[in-house]
Amino acid sequence: MIFSRTGNTTVITQETASIVDLVANIEKKYDGLVNDNIIVNLFSVKDFTPTDINDFLLISKKHKENKRSFVIVSSRITYDETPEDLSLVPTLKEAHDLIEMEEIERDLGI
């Protein structure tokens, strides 16, 4: 698991562990991430299904309740295959764009 922080956004890149292990590791380190927007980059993860993405639901909801963005990056599954409560985009650029839009909405009180 690789952490890359720029400003108030942390990109977590996963290359080897399973989704379950990744979620567990994020939960362990969550206190250090609570004030950041989080992008979980699953681009290198080969073996997972749309159902596996559901493991991120609790942490995503918790993070969004704290007025922060939580975005998953993967082109292996589609937006239609994920729960409404999860933000999924196919590229890192789109993840950063989504966070920027969500920050504007929060600033405007939307």
C-alpha atoms as a PDB file:
ATOM      1  CA  MET A   1       0.000   0.000   0.000  1.00  0.00           C
ATOM      2  CA  ILE A   2       1.476   3.307  -1.103  1.00  0.00           C
ATOM      3  CA  PHE A   3       0.341   6.654   0.328  1.00  0.00           C
ATOM      4  CA  SER A   4       0.879   9.830  -1.686  1.00  0.00           C
ATOM      5  CA  ARG A   5      -0.314  13.106  -0.158  1.00  0.00           C
ATOM      6  CA  THR A   6      -0.780  16.362  -2.044  1.00  0.00           C
ATOM      7  CA  GLY A   7      -2.453  19.228  -0.221  1.00  0.00           C
ATOM      8  CA  ASN A   8      -5.507  17.827   1.527  1.00  0.00           C
ATOM      9  CA  THR A   9      -5.811  14.746  -0.696  1.00  0.00           C
ATOM     10  CA  THR A  10      -4.231  11.356  -0.085  1.00  0.00           C
ATOM     11  CA  VAL A  11      -3.985   8.806  -2.886  1.00  0.00           C
ATOM     12  CA  ILE A  12      -3.765   5.217  -1.672  1.00  0.00           C
ATOM     13  CA  THR A  13      -2.404   2.869  -4.319  1.00  0.00           C
ATOM     14  CA  GLN A  14      -2.810  -0.853  -3.863  1.00  0.00           C
ATOM     15  CA  GLU A  15      -0.820  -3.357  -5.852  1.00  0.00           C
ATOM     16  CA  THR A  16      -0.751  -6.721  -4.088  1.00  0.00           C
ATOM     17  CA  ALA A  17      -3.180  -7.234  -1.205  1.00  0.00           C
ATOM     18  CA  SER A  18      -6.837  -8.147  -1.493  1.00  0.00           C
ATOM     19  CA  ILE A  19      -9.640  -5.620  -1.171  1.00  0.00           C
ATOM     20  CA  VAL A  20     -10.446  -6.974   2.310  1.00  0.00           C
ATOM     21  CA  ASP A  21      -6.827  -6.437   3.417  1.00  0.00           C
ATOM     22  CA  LEU A  22      -6.771  -2.975   1.862  1.00  0.00           C
ATOM     23  CA  VAL A  23      -9.930  -1.890   3.687  1.00  0.00           C
ATOM     24  CA  ALA A  24      -8.526  -3.260   6.968  1.00  0.00           C
ATOM     25  CA  ASN A  25      -5.266  -1.346   6.446  1.00  0.00           C
ATOM     26  CA  ILE A  26      -7.119   1.891   5.652  1.00  0.00           C
ATOM     27  CA  GLU A  27      -9.204   1.466   8.809  1.00  0.00           C
ATOM     28  CA  LYS A  28      -6.021   0.989  10.879  1.00  0.00           C
ATOM     29  CA  LYS A  29      -4.503   4.192   9.472  1.00  0.00           C
ATOM     30  CA  TYR A  30      -7.769   6.131   9.341  1.00  0.00           C
ATOM     31  CA  ASP A  31      -6.962   8.495  12.210  1.00  0.00           C
ATOM     32  CA  GLY A  32      -4.150   9.941  10.097  1.00  0.00           C
ATOM     33  CA  LEU A  33      -6.413  10.294   7.060  1.00  0.00           C
ATOM     34  CA  VAL A  34      -9.578  11.645   8.658  1.00  0.00           C
ATOM     35  CA  ASN A  35      -8.948  15.247   7.546  1.00  0.00           C
ATOM     36  CA  ASP A  36      -7.930  14.389   3.975  1.00  0.00           C
ATOM     37  CA  ASN A  37      -9.906  13.608   0.875  1.00  0.00           C
ATOM     38  CA  ILE A  38      -9.092  10.006  -0.020  1.00  0.00           C
ATOM     39  CA  ILE A  39      -8.573   8.449  -3.429  1.00  0.00           C
ATOM     40  CA  VAL A  40      -8.206   4.663  -3.475  1.00  0.00           C
ATOM     41  CA  ASN A  41      -6.427   3.683  -6.677  1.00  0.00           C
ATOM     42  CA  LEU A  42      -7.263   0.092  -7.607  1.00  0.00           C
ATOM     43  CA  PHE A  43      -5.867   0.354 -11.122  1.00  0.00           C
ATOM     44  CA  SER A  44      -3.204  -2.320 -10.489  1.00  0.00           C
ATOM     45  CA  VAL A  45      -5.469  -4.722  -8.591  1.00  0.00           C
ATOM     46  CA  LYS A  46      -6.398  -7.556 -10.937  1.00  0.00           C
ATOM     47  CA  ASP A  47      -8.676  -9.893  -9.002  1.00  0.00           C
ATOM     48  CA  PHE A  48     -11.785  -8.296  -7.597  1.00  0.00           C
ATOM     49  CA  THR A  49     -15.471  -8.200  -8.367  1.00  0.00           C
ATOM     50  CA  PRO A  50     -18.111  -5.489  -8.065  1.00  0.00           C
ATOM     51  CA  THR A  51     -19.220  -7.188  -4.845  1.00  0.00           C
ATOM     52  CA  ASP A  52     -15.735  -6.707  -3.361  1.00  0.00           C
ATOM     53  CA  ILE A  53     -16.111  -2.934  -3.735  1.00  0.00           C
ATOM     54  CA  ASN A  54     -18.938  -3.066  -1.180  1.00  0.00           C
ATOM     55  CA  ASP A  55     -16.253  -3.566   1.490  1.00  0.00           C
ATOM     56  CA  PHE A  56     -15.524   0.159   1.150  1.00  0.00           C
ATOM     57  CA  LEU A  57     -19.105   1.217   1.993  1.00  0.00           C
ATOM     58  CA  LEU A  58     -18.709   1.754   5.743  1.00  0.00           C
ATOM     59  CA  ILE A  59     -15.486   3.705   5.539  1.00  0.00           C
ATOM     60  CA  SER A  60     -16.784   5.759   2.608  1.00  0.00           C
ATOM     61  CA  LYS A  61     -19.980   6.728   4.465  1.00  0.00           C
ATOM     62  CA  LYS A  62     -17.989   7.583   7.602  1.00  0.00           C
ATOM     63  CA  HIS A  63     -15.586   9.736   5.607  1.00  0.00           C
ATOM     64  CA  LYS A  64     -18.336  11.576   3.752  1.00  0.00           C
ATOM     65  CA  GLU A  65     -20.120  12.285   7.058  1.00  0.00           C
ATOM     66  CA  ASN A  66     -16.912  14.095   8.052  1.00  0.00           C
ATOM     67  CA  LYS A  67     -17.364  16.345   4.996  1.00  0.00           C
ATOM     68  CA  ARG A  68     -14.510  14.742   3.056  1.00  0.00           C
ATOM     69  CA  SER A  69     -14.442  12.973  -0.299  1.00  0.00           C
ATOM     70  CA  PHE A  70     -13.771   9.250  -0.730  1.00  0.00           C
ATOM     71  CA  VAL A  71     -13.260   8.158  -4.338  1.00  0.00           C
ATOM     72  CA  ILE A  72     -12.347   4.761  -5.779  1.00  0.00           C
ATOM     73  CA  VAL A  73     -10.451   4.579  -9.081  1.00  0.00           C
ATOM     74  CA  SER A  74     -10.957   1.504 -11.229  1.00  0.00           C
ATOM     75  CA  SER A  75     -11.742   0.792 -14.843  1.00  0.00           C
ATOM     76  CA  ARG A  76     -12.451  -2.903 -14.133  1.00  0.00           C
ATOM     77  CA  ILE A  77     -16.004  -2.262 -12.965  1.00  0.00           C
ATOM     78  CA  THR A  78     -18.603   0.272 -13.980  1.00  0.00           C
ATOM     79  CA  TYR A  79     -20.412   2.945 -12.082  1.00  0.00           C
ATOM     80  CA  ASP A  80     -23.655   0.995 -12.562  1.00  0.00           C
ATOM     81  CA  GLU A  81     -22.176  -2.027 -10.746  1.00  0.00           C
ATOM     82  CA  THR A  82     -21.429  -0.094  -7.565  1.00  0.00           C
ATOM     83  CA  PRO A  83     -23.716   1.104  -4.762  1.00  0.00           C
ATOM     84  CA  GLU A  84     -24.966   4.666  -4.963  1.00  0.00           C
ATOM     85  CA  ASP A  85     -23.069   5.594  -1.791  1.00  0.00           C
ATOM     86  CA  LEU A  86     -19.682   4.925  -3.403  1.00  0.00           C
ATOM     87  CA  SER A  87     -17.919   7.307  -5.748  1.00  0.00           C
ATOM     88  CA  LEU A  88     -16.222   5.375  -8.551  1.00  0.00           C
ATOM     89  CA  VAL A  89     -14.323   6.853 -11.477  1.00  0.00           C
ATOM     90  CA  PRO A  90     -12.103   5.233 -14.135  1.00  0.00           C
ATOM     91  CA  THR A  91      -9.047   7.562 -13.861  1.00  0.00           C
ATOM     92  CA  LEU A  92      -7.047   9.499 -11.278  1.00  0.00           C
ATOM     93  CA  LYS A  93      -7.727  12.747 -13.146  1.00  0.00           C
ATOM     94  CA  GLU A  94     -11.459  12.196 -12.821  1.00  0.00           C
ATOM     95  CA  ALA A  95     -11.012  11.422  -9.119  1.00  0.00           C
ATOM     96  CA  HIS A  96      -9.259  14.763  -8.587  1.00  0.00           C
ATOM     97  CA  ASP A  97     -11.926  16.542 -10.645  1.00  0.00           C
ATOM     98  CA  LEU A  98     -14.709  14.927  -8.593  1.00  0.00           C
ATOM     99  CA  ILE A  99     -13.042  15.978  -5.339  1.00  0.00           C
ATOM    100  CA  GLU A 100     -12.716  19.527  -6.630  1.00  0.00           C
ATOM    101  CA  MET A 101     -16.433  19.617  -7.519  1.00  0.00           C
ATOM    102  CA  GLU A 102     -17.414  18.164  -4.117  1.00  0.00           C
ATOM    103  CA  GLU A 103     -15.267  20.757  -2.329  1.00  0.00           C
ATOM    104  CA  ILE A 104     -16.982  23.554  -4.259  1.00  0.00           C
ATOM    105  CA  GLU A 105     -20.386  22.106  -3.334  1.00  0.00           C
ATOM    106  CA  ARG A 106     -19.368  21.924   0.353  1.00  0.00           C
ATOM    107  CA  ASP A 107     -18.114  25.533   0.236  1.00  0.00           C
ATOM    108  CA  LEU A 108     -21.441  26.630  -1.248  1.00  0.00           C
ATOM    109  CA  GLY A 109     -23.410  24.615   1.296  1.00  0.00           C
ATOM    110  CA  ILE A 110     -24.995  22.353  -1.324  1.00  0.00           C
END
